[in-house]
Amino acid sequence: MMDLKGSTYWKICGDCFNFLKQSLPIQDNDEYWDHVVHEADVIFRKYENTEEKDFAKDQVLSVVTELEHIYKRQRKRGESS
């Protein structure tokens, strides 16, 4: 088994987890979503010149998609802030 601790994969996962954590709770305003898009771009650009760039892109998009899912669930329940 390969030890990934300290690898680029490890760093991407950490960055994406922090991105998710810092993006919660979801807010229902343009400023919030602009910030989400900006932070996603920052993470992607950080890894765009690495061999793991596709993995980074997929992980970032996965976080954005999950934020959208949470937002839609909240709106459906009438919980948006």
PDB file of N, CA and C in Angstrom:
ATOM      1  N   MET A   1       0.840  -1.174   0.000  1.00  0.00           N
ATOM      2  CA  MET A   1       0.000   0.000   0.000  1.00  0.00           C
ATOM      3  C   MET A   1       0.888   1.241   0.000  1.00  0.00           C
ATOM      4  N   MET A   2       0.501   2.194  -0.815  1.00  0.00           N
ATOM      5  CA  MET A   2       1.269   3.430  -0.952  1.00  0.00           C
ATOM      6  C   MET A   2       0.900   4.416   0.170  1.00  0.00           C
ATOM      7  N   ASP A   3       1.888   5.028   0.786  1.00  0.00           N
ATOM      8  CA  ASP A   3       1.644   6.037   1.811  1.00  0.00           C
ATOM      9  C   ASP A   3       1.436   7.382   1.122  1.00  0.00           C
ATOM     10  N   LEU A   4       0.220   7.905   1.201  1.00  0.00           N
ATOM     11  CA  LEU A   4      -0.111   9.154   0.510  1.00  0.00           C
ATOM     12  C   LEU A   4       0.080  10.396   1.375  1.00  0.00           C
ATOM     13  N   LYS A   5       0.335  10.201   2.654  1.00  0.00           N
ATOM     14  CA  LYS A   5       0.482  11.347   3.543  1.00  0.00           C
ATOM     15  C   LYS A   5       1.602  12.259   3.039  1.00  0.00           C
ATOM     16  N   GLY A   6       1.266  13.527   2.859  1.00  0.00           N
ATOM     17  CA  GLY A   6       2.224  14.501   2.366  1.00  0.00           C
ATOM     18  C   GLY A   6       2.283  14.598   0.848  1.00  0.00           C
ATOM     19  N   SER A   7       1.590  13.694   0.154  1.00  0.00           N
ATOM     20  CA  SER A   7       1.602  13.711  -1.310  1.00  0.00           C
ATOM     21  C   SER A   7       0.676  14.806  -1.840  1.00  0.00           C
ATOM     22  N   THR A   8       0.747  15.033  -3.135  1.00  0.00           N
ATOM     23  CA  THR A   8      -0.159  15.997  -3.761  1.00  0.00           C
ATOM     24  C   THR A   8      -1.605  15.563  -3.583  1.00  0.00           C
ATOM     25  N   TYR A   9      -1.875  14.261  -3.666  1.00  0.00           N
ATOM     26  CA  TYR A   9      -3.239  13.769  -3.442  1.00  0.00           C
ATOM     27  C   TYR A   9      -3.725  14.147  -2.043  1.00  0.00           C
ATOM     28  N   TRP A  10      -2.861  13.964  -1.069  1.00  0.00           N
ATOM     29  CA  TRP A  10      -3.182  14.293   0.322  1.00  0.00           C
ATOM     30  C   TRP A  10      -3.521  15.784   0.453  1.00  0.00           C
ATOM     31  N   LYS A  11      -2.713  16.606  -0.190  1.00  0.00           N
ATOM     32  CA  LYS A  11      -2.922  18.053  -0.116  1.00  0.00           C
ATOM     33  C   LYS A  11      -4.213  18.474  -0.811  1.00  0.00           C
ATOM     34  N   ILE A  12      -4.504  17.860  -1.951  1.00  0.00           N
ATOM     35  CA  ILE A  12      -5.751  18.174  -2.659  1.00  0.00           C
ATOM     36  C   ILE A  12      -6.949  17.820  -1.781  1.00  0.00           C
ATOM     37  N   CYS A  13      -6.927  16.638  -1.199  1.00  0.00           N
ATOM     38  CA  CYS A  13      -8.037  16.215  -0.339  1.00  0.00           C
ATOM     39  C   CYS A  13      -8.200  17.153   0.853  1.00  0.00           C
ATOM     40  N   GLY A  14      -7.096  17.554   1.443  1.00  0.00           N
ATOM     41  CA  GLY A  14      -7.155  18.500   2.570  1.00  0.00           C
ATOM     42  C   GLY A  14      -7.704  19.847   2.149  1.00  0.00           C
ATOM     43  N   ASP A  15      -7.247  20.343   1.023  1.00  0.00           N
ATOM     44  CA  ASP A  15      -7.735  21.630   0.525  1.00  0.00           C
ATOM     45  C   ASP A  15      -9.234  21.570   0.225  1.00  0.00           C
ATOM     46  N   CYS A  16      -9.666  20.462  -0.361  1.00  0.00           N
ATOM     47  CA  CYS A  16     -11.089  20.339  -0.710  1.00  0.00           C
ATOM     48  C   CYS A  16     -11.950  20.168   0.536  1.00  0.00           C
ATOM     49  N   PHE A  17     -11.453  19.439   1.537  1.00  0.00           N
ATOM     50  CA  PHE A  17     -12.203  19.314   2.781  1.00  0.00           C
ATOM     51  C   PHE A  17     -12.335  20.678   3.454  1.00  0.00           C
ATOM     52  N   ASN A  18     -11.255  21.430   3.499  1.00  0.00           N
ATOM     53  CA  ASN A  18     -11.308  22.765   4.097  1.00  0.00           C
ATOM     54  C   ASN A  18     -12.235  23.688   3.314  1.00  0.00           C
ATOM     55  N   PHE A  19     -12.234  23.558   1.996  1.00  0.00           N
ATOM     56  CA  PHE A  19     -13.140  24.324   1.135  1.00  0.00           C
ATOM     57  C   PHE A  19     -14.591  24.015   1.493  1.00  0.00           C
ATOM     58  N   LEU A  20     -14.916  22.738   1.644  1.00  0.00           N
ATOM     59  CA  LEU A  20     -16.272  22.350   2.025  1.00  0.00           C
ATOM     60  C   LEU A  20     -16.620  22.911   3.398  1.00  0.00           C
ATOM     61  N   LYS A  21     -15.741  22.713   4.351  1.00  0.00           N
ATOM     62  CA  LYS A  21     -15.978  23.145   5.730  1.00  0.00           C
ATOM     63  C   LYS A  21     -16.172  24.667   5.807  1.00  0.00           C
ATOM     64  N   GLN A  22     -15.358  25.416   5.073  1.00  0.00           N
ATOM     65  CA  GLN A  22     -15.433  26.874   5.113  1.00  0.00           C
ATOM     66  C   GLN A  22     -16.633  27.416   4.334  1.00  0.00           C
ATOM     67  N   SER A  23     -17.214  26.579   3.481  1.00  0.00           N
ATOM     68  CA  SER A  23     -18.354  27.014   2.674  1.00  0.00           C
ATOM     69  C   SER A  23     -19.692  26.749   3.354  1.00  0.00           C
ATOM     70  N   LEU A  24     -19.644  26.157   4.525  1.00  0.00           N
ATOM     71  CA  LEU A  24     -20.859  25.884   5.282  1.00  0.00           C
ATOM     72  C   LEU A  24     -20.992  26.884   6.413  1.00  0.00           C
ATOM     73  N   PRO A  25     -22.173  27.309   6.763  1.00  0.00           N
ATOM     74  CA  PRO A  25     -23.459  26.949   6.187  1.00  0.00           C
ATOM     75  C   PRO A  25     -23.693  27.659   4.845  1.00  0.00           C
ATOM     76  N   ILE A  26     -24.556  27.059   4.055  1.00  0.00           N
ATOM     77  CA  ILE A  26     -24.919  27.618   2.752  1.00  0.00           C
ATOM     78  C   ILE A  26     -25.657  28.932   2.954  1.00  0.00           C
ATOM     79  N   GLN A  27     -25.377  29.893   2.107  1.00  0.00           N
ATOM     80  CA  GLN A  27     -26.072  31.180   2.143  1.00  0.00           C
ATOM     81  C   GLN A  27     -26.762  31.417   0.803  1.00  0.00           C
ATOM     82  N   ASP A  28     -27.901  32.033   0.860  1.00  0.00           N
ATOM     83  CA  ASP A  28     -28.705  32.260  -0.341  1.00  0.00           C
ATOM     84  C   ASP A  28     -28.495  33.679  -0.857  1.00  0.00           C
ATOM     85  N   ASN A  29     -27.250  33.945  -1.334  1.00  0.00           N
ATOM     86  CA  ASN A  29     -26.984  35.255  -1.926  1.00  0.00           C
ATOM     87  C   ASN A  29     -25.828  35.151  -2.926  1.00  0.00           C
ATOM     88  N   ASP A  30     -25.779  36.099  -3.811  1.00  0.00           N
ATOM     89  CA  ASP A  30     -24.774  36.084  -4.880  1.00  0.00           C
ATOM     90  C   ASP A  30     -23.353  36.193  -4.349  1.00  0.00           C
ATOM     91  N   GLU A  31     -23.160  36.958  -3.292  1.00  0.00           N
ATOM     92  CA  GLU A  31     -21.822  37.118  -2.723  1.00  0.00           C
ATOM     93  C   GLU A  31     -21.270  35.774  -2.256  1.00  0.00           C
ATOM     94  N   TYR A  32     -22.104  34.979  -1.616  1.00  0.00           N
ATOM     95  CA  TYR A  32     -21.687  33.661  -1.146  1.00  0.00           C
ATOM     96  C   TYR A  32     -21.261  32.792  -2.321  1.00  0.00           C
ATOM     97  N   TRP A  33     -22.101  32.709  -3.360  1.00  0.00           N
ATOM     98  CA  TRP A  33     -21.804  31.840  -4.497  1.00  0.00           C
ATOM     99  C   TRP A  33     -20.608  32.356  -5.303  1.00  0.00           C
ATOM    100  N   ASP A  34     -20.433  33.660  -5.378  1.00  0.00           N
ATOM    101  CA  ASP A  34     -19.236  34.213  -6.023  1.00  0.00           C
ATOM    102  C   ASP A  34     -17.982  33.771  -5.276  1.00  0.00           C
ATOM    103  N   HIS A  35     -18.076  33.770  -3.952  1.00  0.00           N
ATOM    104  CA  HIS A  35     -16.949  33.340  -3.124  1.00  0.00           C
ATOM    105  C   HIS A  35     -16.661  31.844  -3.337  1.00  0.00           C
ATOM    106  N   VAL A  36     -17.708  31.040  -3.426  1.00  0.00           N
ATOM    107  CA  VAL A  36     -17.533  29.604  -3.685  1.00  0.00           C
ATOM    108  C   VAL A  36     -16.801  29.394  -5.013  1.00  0.00           C
ATOM    109  N   VAL A  37     -17.246  30.078  -6.046  1.00  0.00           N
ATOM    110  CA  VAL A  37     -16.618  29.944  -7.367  1.00  0.00           C
ATOM    111  C   VAL A  37     -15.162  30.407  -7.306  1.00  0.00           C
ATOM    112  N   HIS A  38     -14.910  31.511  -6.620  1.00  0.00           N
ATOM    113  CA  HIS A  38     -13.552  32.023  -6.496  1.00  0.00           C
ATOM    114  C   HIS A  38     -12.648  31.020  -5.776  1.00  0.00           C
ATOM    115  N   GLU A  39     -13.116  30.494  -4.664  1.00  0.00           N
ATOM    116  CA  GLU A  39     -12.299  29.540  -3.904  1.00  0.00           C
ATOM    117  C   GLU A  39     -12.058  28.261  -4.688  1.00  0.00           C
ATOM    118  N   ALA A  40     -13.055  27.802  -5.434  1.00  0.00           N
ATOM    119  CA  ALA A  40     -12.875  26.623  -6.284  1.00  0.00           C
ATOM    120  C   ALA A  40     -11.773  26.884  -7.308  1.00  0.00           C
ATOM    121  N   ASP A  41     -11.799  28.054  -7.900  1.00  0.00           N
ATOM    122  CA  ASP A  41     -10.787  28.424  -8.888  1.00  0.00           C
ATOM    123  C   ASP A  41      -9.393  28.499  -8.269  1.00  0.00           C
ATOM    124  N   VAL A  42      -9.310  29.035  -7.070  1.00  0.00           N
ATOM    125  CA  VAL A  42      -8.014  29.129  -6.382  1.00  0.00           C
ATOM    126  C   VAL A  42      -7.419  27.738  -6.181  1.00  0.00           C
ATOM    127  N   ILE A  43      -8.241  26.807  -5.727  1.00  0.00           N
ATOM    128  CA  ILE A  43      -7.733  25.447  -5.499  1.00  0.00           C
ATOM    129  C   ILE A  43      -7.336  24.806  -6.824  1.00  0.00           C
ATOM    130  N   PHE A  44      -8.186  24.929  -7.828  1.00  0.00           N
ATOM    131  CA  PHE A  44      -7.849  24.322  -9.116  1.00  0.00           C
ATOM    132  C   PHE A  44      -6.546  24.884  -9.666  1.00  0.00           C
ATOM    133  N   ARG A  45      -6.396  26.187  -9.623  1.00  0.00           N
ATOM    134  CA  ARG A  45      -5.176  26.809 -10.168  1.00  0.00           C
ATOM    135  C   ARG A  45      -3.927  26.388  -9.388  1.00  0.00           C
ATOM    136  N   LYS A  46      -4.099  26.127  -8.111  1.00  0.00           N
ATOM    137  CA  LYS A  46      -2.971  25.680  -7.293  1.00  0.00           C
ATOM    138  C   LYS A  46      -2.369  24.377  -7.835  1.00  0.00           C
ATOM    139  N   TYR A  47      -3.213  23.544  -8.427  1.00  0.00           N
ATOM    140  CA  TYR A  47      -2.766  22.227  -8.889  1.00  0.00           C
ATOM    141  C   TYR A  47      -2.772  22.067 -10.408  1.00  0.00           C
ATOM    142  N   GLU A  48      -3.060  23.141 -11.147  1.00  0.00           N
ATOM    143  CA  GLU A  48      -3.226  23.011 -12.586  1.00  0.00           C
ATOM    144  C   GLU A  48      -1.959  22.585 -13.328  1.00  0.00           C
ATOM    145  N   ASN A  49      -0.806  22.759 -12.732  1.00  0.00           N
ATOM    146  CA  ASN A  49       0.445  22.358 -13.389  1.00  0.00           C
ATOM    147  C   ASN A  49       1.035  21.085 -12.784  1.00  0.00           C
ATOM    148  N   THR A  50       0.191  20.299 -12.138  1.00  0.00           N
ATOM    149  CA  THR A  50       0.651  19.037 -11.563  1.00  0.00           C
ATOM    150  C   THR A  50       0.059  17.873 -12.351  1.00  0.00           C
ATOM    151  N   GLU A  51       0.646  16.704 -12.159  1.00  0.00           N
ATOM    152  CA  GLU A  51       0.104  15.508 -12.799  1.00  0.00           C
ATOM    153  C   GLU A  51      -1.283  15.159 -12.246  1.00  0.00           C
ATOM    154  N   GLU A  52      -1.586  15.655 -11.069  1.00  0.00           N
ATOM    155  CA  GLU A  52      -2.848  15.349 -10.397  1.00  0.00           C
ATOM    156  C   GLU A  52      -3.929  16.382 -10.678  1.00  0.00           C
ATOM    157  N   LYS A  53      -3.729  17.216 -11.699  1.00  0.00           N
ATOM    158  CA  LYS A  53      -4.664  18.311 -11.970  1.00  0.00           C
ATOM    159  C   LYS A  53      -6.083  17.820 -12.237  1.00  0.00           C
ATOM    160  N   ASP A  54      -6.244  16.692 -12.925  1.00  0.00           N
ATOM    161  CA  ASP A  54      -7.592  16.188 -13.195  1.00  0.00           C
ATOM    162  C   ASP A  54      -8.272  15.724 -11.910  1.00  0.00           C
ATOM    163  N   PHE A  55      -7.505  15.104 -11.025  1.00  0.00           N
ATOM    164  CA  PHE A  55      -8.032  14.699  -9.733  1.00  0.00           C
ATOM    165  C   PHE A  55      -8.468  15.936  -8.943  1.00  0.00           C
ATOM    166  N   ALA A  56      -7.633  16.964  -8.945  1.00  0.00           N
ATOM    167  CA  ALA A  56      -7.969  18.200  -8.238  1.00  0.00           C
ATOM    168  C   ALA A  56      -9.252  18.808  -8.791  1.00  0.00           C
ATOM    169  N   LYS A  57      -9.355  18.875 -10.096  1.00  0.00           N
ATOM    170  CA  LYS A  57     -10.551  19.427 -10.738  1.00  0.00           C
ATOM    171  C   LYS A  57     -11.785  18.626 -10.340  1.00  0.00           C
ATOM    172  N   ASP A  58     -11.687  17.306 -10.389  1.00  0.00           N
ATOM    173  CA  ASP A  58     -12.819  16.456 -10.025  1.00  0.00           C
ATOM    174  C   ASP A  58     -13.236  16.649  -8.571  1.00  0.00           C
ATOM    175  N   GLN A  59     -12.262  16.773  -7.688  1.00  0.00           N
ATOM    176  CA  GLN A  59     -12.572  16.942  -6.264  1.00  0.00           C
ATOM    177  C   GLN A  59     -13.211  18.302  -5.991  1.00  0.00           C
ATOM    178  N   VAL A  60     -12.686  19.336  -6.617  1.00  0.00           N
ATOM    179  CA  VAL A  60     -13.250  20.680  -6.450  1.00  0.00           C
ATOM    180  C   VAL A  60     -14.690  20.714  -6.965  1.00  0.00           C
ATOM    181  N   LEU A  61     -14.909  20.149  -8.137  1.00  0.00           N
ATOM    182  CA  LEU A  61     -16.260  20.120  -8.700  1.00  0.00           C
ATOM    183  C   LEU A  61     -17.203  19.288  -7.836  1.00  0.00           C
ATOM    184  N   SER A  62     -16.687  18.265  -7.228  1.00  0.00           N
ATOM    185  CA  SER A  62     -17.487  17.437  -6.331  1.00  0.00           C
ATOM    186  C   SER A  62     -17.951  18.241  -5.114  1.00  0.00           C
ATOM    187  N   VAL A  63     -17.082  19.063  -4.577  1.00  0.00           N
ATOM    188  CA  VAL A  63     -17.459  19.910  -3.444  1.00  0.00           C
ATOM    189  C   VAL A  63     -18.525  20.922  -3.869  1.00  0.00           C
ATOM    190  N   VAL A  64     -18.330  21.563  -5.001  1.00  0.00           N
ATOM    191  CA  VAL A  64     -19.310  22.546  -5.487  1.00  0.00           C
ATOM    192  C   VAL A  64     -20.662  21.868  -5.723  1.00  0.00           C
ATOM    193  N   THR A  65     -20.642  20.679  -6.300  1.00  0.00           N
ATOM    194  CA  THR A  65     -21.880  19.938  -6.536  1.00  0.00           C
ATOM    195  C   THR A  65     -22.570  19.610  -5.220  1.00  0.00           C
ATOM    196  N   GLU A  66     -21.814  19.202  -4.229  1.00  0.00           N
ATOM    197  CA  GLU A  66     -22.411  18.896  -2.926  1.00  0.00           C
ATOM    198  C   GLU A  66     -23.005  20.147  -2.288  1.00  0.00           C
ATOM    199  N   LEU A  67     -22.325  21.277  -2.415  1.00  0.00           N
ATOM    200  CA  LEU A  67     -22.883  22.532  -1.885  1.00  0.00           C
ATOM    201  C   LEU A  67     -24.210  22.845  -2.568  1.00  0.00           C
ATOM    202  N   GLU A  68     -24.290  22.616  -3.870  1.00  0.00           N
ATOM    203  CA  GLU A  68     -25.538  22.836  -4.603  1.00  0.00           C
ATOM    204  C   GLU A  68     -26.632  21.888  -4.116  1.00  0.00           C
ATOM    205  N   HIS A  69     -26.272  20.625  -3.858  1.00  0.00           N
ATOM    206  CA  HIS A  69     -27.249  19.661  -3.349  1.00  0.00           C
ATOM    207  C   HIS A  69     -27.784  20.081  -1.981  1.00  0.00           C
ATOM    208  N   ILE A  70     -26.888  20.515  -1.109  1.00  0.00           N
ATOM    209  CA  ILE A  70     -27.297  20.976   0.214  1.00  0.00           C
ATOM    210  C   ILE A  70     -28.229  22.181   0.079  1.00  0.00           C
ATOM    211  N   TYR A  71     -27.861  23.105  -0.773  1.00  0.00           N
ATOM    212  CA  TYR A  71     -28.673  24.304  -0.999  1.00  0.00           C
ATOM    213  C   TYR A  71     -30.081  23.927  -1.467  1.00  0.00           C
ATOM    214  N   LYS A  72     -30.166  23.013  -2.417  1.00  0.00           N
ATOM    215  CA  LYS A  72     -31.472  22.603  -2.942  1.00  0.00           C
ATOM    216  C   LYS A  72     -32.316  21.899  -1.876  1.00  0.00           C
ATOM    217  N   ARG A  73     -31.672  21.066  -1.056  1.00  0.00           N
ATOM    218  CA  ARG A  73     -32.405  20.403   0.033  1.00  0.00           C
ATOM    219  C   ARG A  73     -32.927  21.430   1.034  1.00  0.00           C
ATOM    220  N   GLN A  74     -32.092  22.403   1.364  1.00  0.00           N
ATOM    221  CA  GLN A  74     -32.505  23.442   2.314  1.00  0.00           C
ATOM    222  C   GLN A  74     -33.667  24.251   1.762  1.00  0.00           C
ATOM    223  N   ARG A  75     -33.590  24.609   0.497  1.00  0.00           N
ATOM    224  CA  ARG A  75     -34.678  25.402  -0.123  1.00  0.00           C
ATOM    225  C   ARG A  75     -35.965  24.597  -0.137  1.00  0.00           C
ATOM    226  N   LYS A  76     -35.843  23.317  -0.413  1.00  0.00           N
ATOM    227  CA  LYS A  76     -37.026  22.460  -0.451  1.00  0.00           C
ATOM    228  C   LYS A  76     -37.696  22.408   0.920  1.00  0.00           C
ATOM    229  N   ARG A  77     -36.885  22.429   1.979  1.00  0.00           N
ATOM    230  CA  ARG A  77     -37.409  22.410   3.341  1.00  0.00           C
ATOM    231  C   ARG A  77     -37.688  23.807   3.885  1.00  0.00           C
ATOM    232  N   GLY A  78     -37.378  24.825   3.087  1.00  0.00           N
ATOM    233  CA  GLY A  78     -37.600  26.210   3.523  1.00  0.00           C
ATOM    234  C   GLY A  78     -36.599  26.686   4.547  1.00  0.00           C
ATOM    235  N   GLU A  79     -35.363  26.177   4.469  1.00  0.00           N
ATOM    236  CA  GLU A  79     -34.337  26.491   5.464  1.00  0.00           C
ATOM    237  C   GLU A  79     -33.264  27.456   4.972  1.00  0.00           C
ATOM    238  N   SER A  80     -33.331  27.952   3.763  1.00  0.00           N
ATOM    239  CA  SER A  80     -32.232  28.785   3.250  1.00  0.00           C
ATOM    240  C   SER A  80     -32.086  30.057   4.066  1.00  0.00           C
ATOM    241  N   SER A  81     -30.806  30.482   4.187  1.00  0.00           N
ATOM    242  CA  SER A  81     -30.547  31.694   4.970  1.00  0.00           C
ATOM    243  C   SER A  81     -30.230  32.878   4.096  1.00  0.00           C
TER     244      SER A  81
END
